[in-house]
Amino acid sequence: MLATDADALMTPDQAVLLRQLAIDAYEPDAFAERLTRGEAELRIAMLRAKLKRIGEPPHTL
């Protein structure tokens, strides 16, 4: 069975973005080193939605 891009490990850019979003959203457990690209994409979307709902990240206050 061939692996799709979504099944490959997350990209370095995804890792950097996810780590920062997890910190900004006060959800450090949302970041994990061995996520697939698809899992990372889903978590990034979830954290962006949360931050949009609660306003700007704390570093912009």
C-alpha atoms as a PDB file:
ATOM      1  CA  MET A   1       0.000   0.000   0.000  1.00  0.00           C
ATOM      2  CA  LEU A   2       1.377   3.412  -0.957  1.00  0.00           C
ATOM      3  CA  ALA A   3       1.599   6.119   1.651  1.00  0.00           C
ATOM      4  CA  THR A   4      -0.047   9.413   0.824  1.00  0.00           C
ATOM      5  CA  ASP A   5       1.411  12.812   1.671  1.00  0.00           C
ATOM      6  CA  ALA A   6      -1.033  13.025   4.577  1.00  0.00           C
ATOM      7  CA  ASP A   7       0.517   9.826   6.013  1.00  0.00           C
ATOM      8  CA  ALA A   8       4.101  11.134   5.843  1.00  0.00           C
ATOM      9  CA  LEU A   9       5.628  12.837   8.857  1.00  0.00           C
ATOM     10  CA  MET A  10       4.801  16.516   9.226  1.00  0.00           C
ATOM     11  CA  THR A  11       7.051  18.964   7.484  1.00  0.00           C
ATOM     12  CA  PRO A  12       9.532  21.108   9.421  1.00  0.00           C
ATOM     13  CA  ASP A  13       7.387  24.167   8.620  1.00  0.00           C
ATOM     14  CA  GLN A  14       4.324  22.443  10.054  1.00  0.00           C
ATOM     15  CA  ALA A  15       6.285  21.536  13.187  1.00  0.00           C
ATOM     16  CA  VAL A  16       7.381  25.144  13.775  1.00  0.00           C
ATOM     17  CA  LEU A  17       3.880  26.495  13.195  1.00  0.00           C
ATOM     18  CA  LEU A  18       2.183  23.845  15.317  1.00  0.00           C
ATOM     19  CA  ARG A  19       4.610  24.348  18.210  1.00  0.00           C
ATOM     20  CA  GLN A  20       3.973  28.126  18.199  1.00  0.00           C
ATOM     21  CA  LEU A  21       0.199  27.769  17.910  1.00  0.00           C
ATOM     22  CA  ALA A  22       0.185  25.244  20.764  1.00  0.00           C
ATOM     23  CA  ILE A  23       2.047  27.725  22.965  1.00  0.00           C
ATOM     24  CA  ASP A  24      -0.180  30.652  21.954  1.00  0.00           C
ATOM     25  CA  ALA A  25      -3.340  28.624  22.624  1.00  0.00           C
ATOM     26  CA  TYR A  26      -2.047  27.336  25.983  1.00  0.00           C
ATOM     27  CA  GLU A  27      -2.245  23.759  24.693  1.00  0.00           C
ATOM     28  CA  PRO A  28       1.333  22.461  24.735  1.00  0.00           C
ATOM     29  CA  ASP A  29       0.080  18.869  24.477  1.00  0.00           C
ATOM     30  CA  ALA A  30      -1.274  19.631  20.998  1.00  0.00           C
ATOM     31  CA  PHE A  31       2.311  19.398  19.727  1.00  0.00           C
ATOM     32  CA  ALA A  32       3.936  16.007  19.237  1.00  0.00           C
ATOM     33  CA  GLU A  33       7.121  15.217  17.305  1.00  0.00           C
ATOM     34  CA  ARG A  34       5.814  12.227  15.330  1.00  0.00           C
ATOM     35  CA  LEU A  35       2.568  13.530  13.850  1.00  0.00           C
ATOM     36  CA  THR A  36       1.679  12.847  10.253  1.00  0.00           C
ATOM     37  CA  ARG A  37       1.122  15.743   7.872  1.00  0.00           C
ATOM     38  CA  GLY A  38      -2.606  15.117   8.021  1.00  0.00           C
ATOM     39  CA  GLU A  39      -2.682  15.079  11.833  1.00  0.00           C
ATOM     40  CA  ALA A  40      -0.581  18.232  11.988  1.00  0.00           C
ATOM     41  CA  GLU A  41      -2.851  19.976   9.493  1.00  0.00           C
ATOM     42  CA  LEU A  42      -5.898  19.105  11.580  1.00  0.00           C
ATOM     43  CA  ARG A  43      -4.311  20.321  14.824  1.00  0.00           C
ATOM     44  CA  ILE A  44      -3.123  23.531  13.179  1.00  0.00           C
ATOM     45  CA  ALA A  45      -6.662  24.226  11.957  1.00  0.00           C
ATOM     46  CA  MET A  46      -8.081  23.470  15.417  1.00  0.00           C
ATOM     47  CA  LEU A  47      -5.639  25.772  17.180  1.00  0.00           C
ATOM     48  CA  ARG A  48      -6.137  28.581  14.660  1.00  0.00           C
ATOM     49  CA  ALA A  49      -9.897  28.340  15.199  1.00  0.00           C
ATOM     50  CA  LYS A  50      -9.446  28.442  18.967  1.00  0.00           C
ATOM     51  CA  LEU A  51      -7.187  31.491  18.780  1.00  0.00           C
ATOM     52  CA  LYS A  52      -9.603  33.246  16.444  1.00  0.00           C
ATOM     53  CA  ARG A  53     -12.431  32.530  18.876  1.00  0.00           C
ATOM     54  CA  ILE A  54     -10.580  33.871  21.917  1.00  0.00           C
ATOM     55  CA  GLY A  55      -8.877  36.802  20.188  1.00  0.00           C
ATOM     56  CA  GLU A  56      -5.248  37.582  19.581  1.00  0.00           C
ATOM     57  CA  PRO A  57      -2.413  35.534  21.113  1.00  0.00           C
ATOM     58  CA  PRO A  58      -1.162  36.853  24.451  1.00  0.00           C
ATOM     59  CA  HIS A  59       2.052  38.269  22.971  1.00  0.00           C
ATOM     60  CA  THR A  60       0.019  40.925  21.125  1.00  0.00           C
ATOM     61  CA  LEU A  61      -1.546  42.376  24.263  1.00  0.00           C
END
